[in-house]
Amino acid sequence: MGKKLKNESVISIVKDDLCTGCGTCAAICPYHAIEMSENPRKHILLPTVKEEKCTNCGNCRRVCPGHEVDFKKLNAWIFGKRCTDNFNDILLGYHIKSYSGYSRDFKVRYGSASGGLATEVLLFALRENLIDGALVTRMSKDRPLKPQPFIARTPKEIMESAGSKYCPVPANEALEEILEEKGRYAVVGLPCHIHGIRKAEKVYEKLRKRIVLHLGIFCSHTDSLLETEYLLYKLKVNITDVERIDYRGKGWPGMLSINLRSGRCIDVPFHDWIKIHAYCLFSPTRCLLCCDHCAELADISFADAWLPEFLSDSVGTSIAVARSRIGDDILHQAQSKGKIELRELEDVKVAESQKMMRFKKNSIAVRFLLFNALGRKLPIYNTEILKPSYVDWPRSAIIFLNRYIAGKRSLWGSLESFANLQNPLERMYKKALRFSS
């Protein structure tokens, strides 16, 4: 029984370090045998299976994006066609058009991570009765360093979820409520969340009918709960003193804002702390094996507009990649009613704005080879992977070194010195990209 359980459930996926922590399995288990909880060694949220409740139905494994995502089949099922072979489609995934834009509500735009397009689309869909609720995430009021996925049913609740969360989020746990309550829903998530939702929709017709809009967020990787602990360590802030944390907001590129129980607020400019994220110091292992930066299976994917023409923008501009007709239509409906500003953007501009695309599509080949050499399990994809650059080898090696040091609290004093080893490699990497293009 125990051996069979490991094969039929997500236990083996967790054991092989392939779990994304998306939470899909916990939501769809008909016997409530799966719970998401913090792993004290890895500092991420992982599923645990109550063996006395599990019947080995295998549904959790079928919807799991951790061990397999067949992009070509899912693209054909979702969009009715396969991606073409041109370069930008390999980077961006199948799409109709790309845009830059922002919410015309200053409060929404200023309080979001970048431009507030995703938040404004949700607000528009709710107010126009296109949806009855949206799967989103906010930080818990009772446990301010822990994310709280939930179904937002009011504009106020949607606003509470605005902004990026640089921590592991089991967002798809909230699918359970969508399964239980009739209605039309939007979902918001990182690529792995959207992968799990799309796979679950193939198994559960009820989900497929109730989820009418999928909003994806571009993602290089998530961060373990240790990253926030490290940020507080650098700021000399005790975890128990934190009342609220916002990773982005207050304009663009924004502030890390930490509100203390004493009433004091600490604001850290985005560029003063984001290298900790950019260098993958606290990246979970599974994130380094992901090939989807752009949430390729969403109806609309959103990102920061990291382009020279927007760098002087202190309020925020988003990039939106419309992939389905539903996604493209709702953007234009919101624009026609004066809720958002929208301009077409060339695909090459989207690629230029997101250097981490190549981290997912090029250098993943190096990480696959390194993991394979170590005898580690790899996820199965059916998609195109681009040829790595010569600098991806030392870059990947330094990422692994950084992650090892970051995982040892006793070495945190030296962490940023080791991380700075990546600076010359970044310059080499940019030169290699210019040369290759």
Protein backbone atom coordinates (compact mmCIF):
# COMPACT_ATOMS: atom_id res chain seq x y z
CA MET A 1 0.00 0.00 0.00
CA GLY A 2 2.71 2.49 1.00
CA LYS A 3 4.79 1.77 -2.08
CA LYS A 4 1.79 2.12 -4.37
CA LEU A 5 0.81 5.39 -2.71
CA LYS A 6 4.19 6.89 -3.47
CA ASN A 7 3.76 6.00 -7.15
CA GLU A 8 0.17 7.16 -7.54
CA SER A 9 0.23 10.38 -5.50
CA VAL A 10 2.39 13.50 -5.51
CA ILE A 11 4.66 12.06 -2.80
CA SER A 12 7.22 10.84 -5.33
CA ILE A 13 7.19 14.24 -7.08
CA VAL A 14 7.98 15.98 -3.80
CA LYS A 15 10.68 13.42 -3.05
CA ASP A 16 12.27 14.02 -6.46
CA ASP A 17 12.37 17.79 -5.74
CA LEU A 18 10.07 18.51 -8.69
CA CYS A 19 7.14 20.05 -6.81
CA THR A 20 6.45 23.67 -7.76
CA GLY A 21 4.38 24.30 -4.61
CA CYS A 22 1.48 25.55 -6.75
CA GLY A 23 -1.21 23.97 -4.52
CA THR A 24 -3.28 22.41 -7.33
CA CYS A 25 -3.14 18.92 -5.82
CA ALA A 26 -4.44 20.10 -2.44
CA ALA A 27 -7.47 21.76 -4.04
CA ILE A 28 -8.58 18.94 -6.31
CA CYS A 29 -8.14 15.98 -3.94
CA PRO A 30 -11.72 14.68 -3.45
CA TYR A 31 -10.79 13.15 -0.08
CA HIS A 32 -9.01 16.21 1.39
CA ALA A 33 -5.91 14.06 1.87
CA ILE A 34 -3.40 16.74 0.85
CA GLU A 35 -2.27 19.82 2.77
CA MET A 36 0.25 22.52 1.85
CA SER A 37 2.69 23.31 4.64
CA GLU A 38 6.11 24.89 5.06
CA ASN A 39 9.02 22.51 4.71
CA PRO A 40 11.41 23.50 7.53
CA ARG A 41 14.48 22.44 5.56
CA LYS A 42 13.67 23.95 2.17
CA HIS A 43 11.60 26.93 3.43
CA ILE A 44 8.97 26.49 0.72
CA LEU A 45 5.39 25.25 0.85
CA LEU A 46 5.02 21.61 -0.18
CA PRO A 47 2.14 19.11 -0.16
CA THR A 48 1.92 16.41 2.49
CA VAL A 49 -0.34 13.40 1.94
CA LYS A 50 -2.40 11.86 4.74
CA GLU A 51 -2.02 8.24 3.78
CA GLU A 52 -5.03 7.11 5.81
CA LYS A 53 -7.28 9.31 3.63
CA CYS A 54 -5.62 8.71 0.26
CA THR A 55 -7.32 6.20 -2.08
CA ASN A 56 -4.62 6.30 -4.78
CA CYS A 57 -7.03 7.83 -7.31
CA GLY A 58 -4.04 9.50 -8.99
CA ASN A 59 -5.84 12.78 -9.74
CA CYS A 60 -3.25 14.81 -7.84
CA ARG A 61 -0.50 13.42 -10.04
CA ARG A 62 -2.49 14.02 -13.23
CA VAL A 63 -2.91 17.74 -12.49
CA CYS A 64 0.62 18.26 -11.15
CA PRO A 65 2.77 20.57 -13.33
CA GLY A 66 5.92 19.69 -11.39
CA HIS A 67 6.88 16.51 -13.22
CA GLU A 68 5.39 17.17 -16.67
CA VAL A 69 3.94 19.94 -18.83
CA ASP A 70 3.19 19.10 -22.47
CA PHE A 71 3.24 22.62 -23.89
CA LYS A 72 2.54 21.61 -27.49
CA LYS A 73 -0.57 19.60 -26.61
CA LEU A 74 -1.82 22.21 -24.15
CA ASN A 75 -1.29 25.00 -26.68
CA ALA A 76 -3.27 23.08 -29.27
CA TRP A 77 -6.05 22.41 -26.73
CA ILE A 78 -6.20 25.97 -25.37
CA PHE A 79 -5.54 28.13 -28.42
CA GLY A 80 -6.54 25.77 -31.21
CA LYS A 81 -3.14 25.86 -32.89
CA ARG A 82 0.52 25.19 -32.23
CA CYS A 83 3.16 27.86 -31.81
CA THR A 84 4.95 28.85 -34.99
CA ASP A 85 8.70 28.40 -35.24
CA ASN A 86 9.82 32.02 -35.34
CA PHE A 87 12.20 33.22 -32.64
CA ASN A 88 9.85 35.45 -30.66
CA ASP A 89 7.19 32.76 -30.44
CA ILE A 90 9.73 30.42 -28.87
CA LEU A 91 10.50 33.11 -26.31
CA LEU A 92 6.97 34.44 -25.77
CA GLY A 93 4.77 31.45 -26.54
CA TYR A 94 1.70 31.62 -28.76
CA HIS A 95 0.09 35.07 -28.72
CA ILE A 96 -2.10 37.43 -30.72
CA LYS A 97 -0.62 40.84 -29.87
CA SER A 98 1.57 42.56 -27.28
CA TYR A 99 0.86 45.89 -25.61
CA SER A 100 2.21 48.43 -23.18
CA GLY A 101 -0.24 50.20 -20.92
CA TYR A 102 -1.44 51.15 -17.49
CA SER A 103 -4.53 51.72 -15.37
CA ARG A 104 -6.05 55.17 -15.73
CA ASP A 105 -6.93 55.06 -12.03
CA PHE A 106 -3.89 56.66 -10.37
CA LYS A 107 -4.47 54.80 -7.10
CA VAL A 108 -4.43 51.43 -8.88
CA ARG A 109 -1.43 52.35 -11.03
CA TYR A 110 0.64 53.79 -8.18
CA GLY A 111 -0.13 50.97 -5.77
CA SER A 112 0.63 48.09 -8.15
CA ALA A 113 3.94 46.51 -9.12
CA SER A 114 4.00 48.07 -12.59
CA GLY A 115 1.19 50.01 -14.16
CA GLY A 116 -1.68 48.13 -12.59
CA LEU A 117 -2.99 46.56 -15.81
CA ALA A 118 -3.68 43.15 -14.25
CA THR A 119 -5.47 44.68 -11.26
CA GLU A 120 -7.53 46.99 -13.47
CA VAL A 121 -8.56 44.14 -15.79
CA LEU A 122 -9.84 42.20 -12.76
CA LEU A 123 -11.71 45.27 -11.45
CA PHE A 124 -13.24 45.85 -14.88
CA ALA A 125 -14.30 42.20 -15.27
CA LEU A 126 -15.92 42.22 -11.82
CA ARG A 127 -17.76 45.52 -12.28
CA GLU A 128 -18.99 44.50 -15.74
CA ASN A 129 -20.30 41.19 -14.30
CA LEU A 130 -17.97 39.18 -16.52
CA ILE A 131 -16.78 37.34 -13.41
CA ASP A 132 -18.16 36.69 -9.93
CA GLY A 133 -14.76 36.45 -8.29
CA ALA A 134 -11.02 36.13 -8.86
CA LEU A 135 -8.39 33.79 -7.47
CA VAL A 136 -5.70 36.14 -6.13
CA THR A 137 -3.19 36.36 -3.29
CA ARG A 138 -2.62 38.82 -0.46
CA MET A 139 -0.33 38.66 2.54
CA SER A 140 -2.02 37.30 5.66
CA LYS A 141 -3.06 39.86 8.28
CA ASP A 142 -2.47 37.42 11.12
CA ARG A 143 0.83 36.08 9.72
CA PRO A 144 2.20 39.01 7.69
CA LEU A 145 5.10 37.07 6.14
CA LYS A 146 2.83 34.30 4.82
CA PRO A 147 0.83 34.53 1.56
CA GLN A 148 -2.92 33.96 1.59
CA PRO A 149 -4.57 32.77 -1.64
CA PHE A 150 -8.32 33.51 -1.71
CA ILE A 151 -11.28 34.29 -3.96
CA ALA A 152 -11.77 38.05 -4.15
CA ARG A 153 -15.40 39.02 -4.71
CA THR A 154 -15.28 42.80 -4.21
CA PRO A 155 -13.17 45.62 -5.68
CA LYS A 156 -11.69 46.19 -2.21
CA GLU A 157 -10.52 42.59 -1.99
CA ILE A 158 -8.98 42.78 -5.46
CA MET A 159 -7.07 45.91 -4.40
CA GLU A 160 -5.79 44.06 -1.34
CA SER A 161 -4.10 41.58 -3.69
CA ALA A 162 -2.32 44.16 -5.86
CA GLY A 163 1.46 43.92 -6.14
CA SER A 164 4.01 41.13 -6.52
CA LYS A 165 4.78 38.63 -3.76
CA TYR A 166 8.43 37.56 -3.59
CA CYS A 167 7.73 34.40 -1.64
CA PRO A 168 6.30 30.92 -2.34
CA VAL A 169 2.54 31.07 -2.98
CA PRO A 170 0.32 27.94 -3.14
CA ALA A 171 -2.27 29.99 -5.04
CA ASN A 172 -4.15 27.06 -6.51
CA GLU A 173 -5.34 25.93 -3.07
CA ALA A 174 -8.18 28.40 -3.68
CA LEU A 175 -9.41 26.30 -6.62
CA GLU A 176 -11.30 24.27 -4.01
CA GLU A 177 -13.73 27.15 -3.54
CA ILE A 178 -14.25 27.43 -7.31
CA LEU A 179 -15.06 23.72 -7.43
CA GLU A 180 -17.57 24.10 -4.60
CA GLU A 181 -19.34 27.33 -5.57
CA LYS A 182 -21.01 28.08 -8.89
CA GLY A 183 -20.00 31.18 -10.78
CA ARG A 184 -17.57 32.59 -13.31
CA TYR A 185 -14.04 33.17 -12.14
CA ALA A 186 -10.74 34.71 -13.16
CA VAL A 187 -7.46 33.26 -11.91
CA VAL A 188 -4.14 35.05 -11.43
CA GLY A 189 -0.88 33.20 -11.06
CA LEU A 190 2.70 32.58 -12.02
CA PRO A 191 3.46 30.22 -14.92
CA CYS A 192 3.45 27.11 -12.68
CA HIS A 193 0.05 28.08 -11.24
CA ILE A 194 -1.38 28.47 -14.74
CA HIS A 195 0.17 25.12 -15.77
CA GLY A 196 -1.56 23.41 -12.85
CA ILE A 197 -4.88 25.10 -13.54
CA ARG A 198 -4.83 24.17 -17.23
CA LYS A 199 -4.00 20.55 -16.40
CA ALA A 200 -6.77 20.49 -13.77
CA GLU A 201 -9.26 21.87 -16.29
CA LYS A 202 -8.58 18.88 -18.53
CA VAL A 203 -9.52 16.55 -15.67
CA TYR A 204 -12.39 18.55 -14.14
CA GLU A 205 -15.00 19.87 -16.57
CA LYS A 206 -16.49 21.95 -13.76
CA LEU A 207 -13.29 23.99 -13.50
CA ARG A 208 -13.09 24.38 -17.26
CA LYS A 209 -16.59 25.88 -17.36
CA ARG A 210 -16.21 28.13 -14.31
CA ILE A 211 -12.80 29.66 -15.03
CA VAL A 212 -13.36 32.16 -17.83
CA LEU A 213 -10.16 34.22 -17.62
CA HIS A 214 -6.54 33.24 -16.90
CA LEU A 215 -4.10 36.05 -16.05
CA GLY A 216 -0.44 35.08 -15.87
CA ILE A 217 2.51 36.97 -14.38
CA PHE A 218 5.95 36.80 -16.02
CA CYS A 219 8.30 34.98 -13.64
CA SER A 220 12.02 34.22 -13.59
CA HIS A 221 11.60 32.24 -10.34
CA THR A 222 10.02 32.55 -6.94
CA ASP A 223 11.96 32.89 -3.67
CA SER A 224 11.94 30.76 -0.57
CA LEU A 225 10.68 32.17 2.72
CA LEU A 226 14.34 32.60 3.69
CA GLU A 227 14.67 35.58 1.34
CA THR A 228 12.31 37.73 3.39
CA GLU A 229 14.06 36.57 6.55
CA TYR A 230 17.39 37.62 5.00
CA LEU A 231 16.02 41.05 4.02
CA LEU A 232 14.86 41.60 7.59
CA TYR A 233 18.25 40.39 8.84
CA LYS A 234 20.00 43.02 6.67
CA LEU A 235 17.63 45.70 7.97
CA LYS A 236 18.11 44.52 11.57
CA VAL A 237 14.37 43.96 11.94
CA ASN A 238 12.96 41.23 14.16
CA ILE A 239 10.40 39.05 12.37
CA THR A 240 7.96 39.32 15.27
CA ASP A 241 7.97 43.12 14.94
CA VAL A 242 6.56 43.07 11.40
CA GLU A 243 2.90 44.01 11.03
CA ARG A 244 2.71 44.18 7.22
CA ILE A 245 5.02 43.76 4.25
CA ASP A 246 4.56 44.96 0.67
CA TYR A 247 7.25 43.89 -1.79
CA ARG A 248 6.24 46.38 -4.52
CA GLY A 249 4.13 49.53 -4.76
CA LYS A 250 4.42 53.27 -4.14
CA GLY A 251 5.17 53.98 -7.78
CA TRP A 252 7.63 52.28 -10.12
CA PRO A 253 9.86 50.38 -9.80
CA GLY A 254 8.56 50.79 -6.30
CA MET A 255 9.46 50.16 -2.70
CA LEU A 256 9.78 47.24 -0.35
CA SER A 257 7.65 48.60 2.50
CA ILE A 258 7.81 47.07 5.97
CA ASN A 259 5.32 48.34 8.53
CA LEU A 260 6.30 47.58 12.13
CA ARG A 261 3.99 47.10 15.08
CA SER A 262 5.54 50.18 16.64
CA GLY A 263 4.05 52.31 13.85
CA ARG A 264 7.39 52.81 12.09
CA CYS A 265 7.57 52.16 8.32
CA ILE A 266 10.76 51.17 6.50
CA ASP A 267 10.86 51.80 2.74
CA VAL A 268 13.65 50.20 0.71
CA PRO A 269 13.97 51.25 -2.96
CA PHE A 270 13.47 48.37 -5.40
CA HIS A 271 16.98 48.55 -6.87
CA ASP A 272 18.55 48.39 -3.40
CA TRP A 273 17.30 44.85 -2.76
CA ILE A 274 16.20 43.20 -6.01
CA LYS A 275 19.64 41.74 -6.84
CA ILE A 276 19.02 39.26 -4.04
CA HIS A 277 16.14 38.01 -6.17
CA ALA A 278 17.80 38.48 -9.57
CA TYR A 279 20.81 36.35 -8.62
CA CYS A 280 18.56 33.45 -7.57
CA LEU A 281 20.07 33.47 -4.08
CA PHE A 282 16.96 31.95 -2.53
CA SER A 283 15.47 30.24 -5.56
CA PRO A 284 13.86 26.83 -4.94
CA THR A 285 15.45 24.01 -6.93
CA ARG A 286 12.39 23.41 -9.10
CA CYS A 287 12.35 27.03 -10.30
CA LEU A 288 15.77 26.52 -11.88
CA LEU A 289 14.24 23.77 -14.03
CA CYS A 290 11.33 25.85 -15.37
CA CYS A 291 11.29 26.82 -19.06
CA ASP A 292 8.30 29.20 -18.95
CA HIS A 293 9.09 32.82 -18.15
CA CYS A 294 6.07 34.37 -19.83
CA ALA A 295 3.10 32.37 -18.50
CA GLU A 296 2.60 30.92 -21.97
CA LEU A 297 -0.70 29.18 -21.18
CA ALA A 298 -2.55 32.25 -19.86
CA ASP A 299 -5.15 34.31 -21.71
CA ILE A 300 -3.10 37.43 -20.92
CA SER A 301 0.41 37.60 -19.49
CA PHE A 302 1.69 40.69 -17.65
CA ALA A 303 5.16 42.07 -16.92
CA ASP A 304 7.15 45.19 -16.04
CA ALA A 305 8.05 47.37 -19.03
CA TRP A 306 11.83 47.35 -18.56
CA LEU A 307 12.54 49.43 -21.68
CA PRO A 308 14.56 52.67 -22.10
CA GLU A 309 11.47 54.64 -23.12
CA PHE A 310 9.76 53.78 -19.81
CA LEU A 311 12.65 54.03 -17.35
CA SER A 312 11.79 57.64 -16.46
CA ASP A 313 8.23 56.59 -15.64
CA SER A 314 7.95 56.82 -11.84
CA VAL A 315 4.33 55.65 -11.68
CA GLY A 316 4.42 52.46 -13.73
CA THR A 317 3.76 50.88 -17.12
CA SER A 318 2.85 47.26 -17.75
CA ILE A 319 3.43 44.93 -20.65
CA ALA A 320 0.48 42.74 -21.61
CA VAL A 321 0.74 39.79 -24.00
CA ALA A 322 -2.71 38.78 -25.25
CA ARG A 323 -2.76 35.08 -26.18
CA SER A 324 -6.44 34.21 -26.60
CA ARG A 325 -9.31 36.06 -28.24
CA ILE A 326 -10.97 36.32 -24.82
CA GLY A 327 -7.85 37.97 -23.40
CA ASP A 328 -7.45 40.40 -26.29
CA ASP A 329 -11.14 41.32 -26.23
CA ILE A 330 -11.23 42.17 -22.53
CA LEU A 331 -8.19 44.45 -22.88
CA HIS A 332 -9.91 46.38 -25.66
CA GLN A 333 -13.22 46.51 -23.79
CA ALA A 334 -11.44 48.03 -20.77
CA GLN A 335 -9.68 50.50 -23.05
CA SER A 336 -12.89 51.51 -24.84
CA LYS A 337 -14.52 52.30 -21.49
CA GLY A 338 -11.61 54.46 -20.40
CA LYS A 339 -10.29 52.13 -17.69
CA ILE A 340 -6.86 51.47 -19.18
CA GLU A 341 -4.40 53.06 -21.58
CA LEU A 342 -3.12 50.62 -24.20
CA ARG A 343 -0.64 50.77 -27.09
CA GLU A 344 0.60 48.01 -29.35
CA LEU A 345 4.16 46.88 -28.66
CA GLU A 346 6.46 44.97 -30.99
CA ASP A 347 7.32 41.45 -29.88
CA VAL A 348 11.01 42.24 -30.09
CA LYS A 349 10.44 44.99 -27.53
CA VAL A 350 8.82 42.53 -25.13
CA ALA A 351 11.85 40.26 -25.49
CA GLU A 352 14.23 43.20 -24.93
CA SER A 353 12.37 44.16 -21.76
CA GLN A 354 12.70 40.70 -20.22
CA LYS A 355 16.33 39.53 -20.14
CA MET A 356 15.37 36.64 -17.88
CA MET A 357 13.49 35.07 -20.80
CA ARG A 358 16.83 33.70 -21.94
CA PHE A 359 17.49 32.38 -18.45
CA LYS A 360 14.44 30.18 -18.99
CA LYS A 361 14.79 29.39 -22.70
CA ASN A 362 18.58 29.28 -23.21
CA SER A 363 20.53 28.49 -20.05
CA ILE A 364 17.99 25.92 -18.83
CA ALA A 365 19.77 23.46 -21.14
CA VAL A 366 22.90 23.89 -19.01
CA ARG A 367 21.02 23.36 -15.78
CA PHE A 368 19.35 20.26 -17.18
CA LEU A 369 22.77 18.81 -18.03
CA LEU A 370 24.14 19.67 -14.59
CA PHE A 371 21.17 18.12 -12.79
CA ASN A 372 21.26 15.06 -15.00
CA ALA A 373 24.97 14.59 -14.27
CA LEU A 374 24.13 14.66 -10.56
CA GLY A 375 21.54 11.94 -11.04
CA ARG A 376 18.63 14.28 -10.29
CA LYS A 377 15.15 13.88 -11.74
CA LEU A 378 14.09 16.35 -14.45
CA PRO A 379 10.63 17.58 -15.47
CA ILE A 380 9.32 16.44 -18.83
CA TYR A 381 8.45 19.21 -21.29
CA ASN A 382 7.29 19.11 -24.88
CA THR A 383 8.49 22.49 -26.11
CA GLU A 384 11.35 24.27 -27.83
CA ILE A 385 14.53 25.09 -25.89
CA LEU A 386 17.13 27.46 -27.32
CA LYS A 387 20.88 26.89 -27.50
CA PRO A 388 22.75 28.23 -24.45
CA SER A 389 25.51 30.85 -24.60
CA TYR A 390 29.05 29.98 -23.51
CA VAL A 391 28.70 32.16 -20.41
CA ASP A 392 25.66 30.19 -19.22
CA TRP A 393 27.96 27.49 -17.83
CA PRO A 394 29.88 29.61 -15.27
CA ARG A 395 26.73 31.65 -14.64
CA SER A 396 24.79 28.53 -13.67
CA ALA A 397 27.64 27.29 -11.50
CA ILE A 398 27.72 30.59 -9.57
CA ILE A 399 23.95 30.47 -9.11
CA PHE A 400 24.32 27.07 -7.43
CA LEU A 401 27.15 28.41 -5.24
CA ASN A 402 25.08 31.45 -4.26
CA ARG A 403 22.11 29.25 -3.36
CA TYR A 404 24.26 27.01 -1.19
CA ILE A 405 25.62 29.97 0.76
CA ALA A 406 22.19 31.61 1.02
CA GLY A 407 20.83 28.43 2.59
CA LYS A 408 23.30 28.70 5.48
CA ARG A 409 22.32 31.46 7.89
CA SER A 410 25.83 31.33 9.39
CA LEU A 411 27.25 32.52 6.02
CA TRP A 412 24.85 35.40 5.44
CA GLY A 413 27.50 37.94 6.35
CA SER A 414 29.45 36.93 3.23
CA LEU A 415 26.49 36.32 0.94
CA GLU A 416 26.51 39.55 -1.05
CA SER A 417 30.27 39.35 -1.58
CA PHE A 418 29.85 35.94 -3.21
CA ALA A 419 26.83 37.14 -5.16
CA ASN A 420 28.89 39.97 -6.66
CA LEU A 421 30.95 37.33 -8.47
CA GLN A 422 28.10 37.32 -10.92
CA ASN A 423 28.56 40.97 -11.92
CA PRO A 424 31.39 40.41 -14.46
CA LEU A 425 29.49 37.40 -15.83
CA GLU A 426 26.43 39.58 -16.36
CA ARG A 427 28.53 41.98 -18.43
CA MET A 428 29.92 39.06 -20.47
CA TYR A 429 26.41 37.72 -20.90
CA LYS A 430 25.10 41.01 -22.29
CA LYS A 431 28.03 41.22 -24.72
CA ALA A 432 27.35 37.65 -25.85
CA LEU A 433 23.69 38.50 -26.50
CA ARG A 434 24.65 41.58 -28.55
CA PHE A 435 27.17 39.53 -30.54
CA SER A 436 24.70 36.69 -31.21
CA SER A 437 21.96 39.07 -32.33
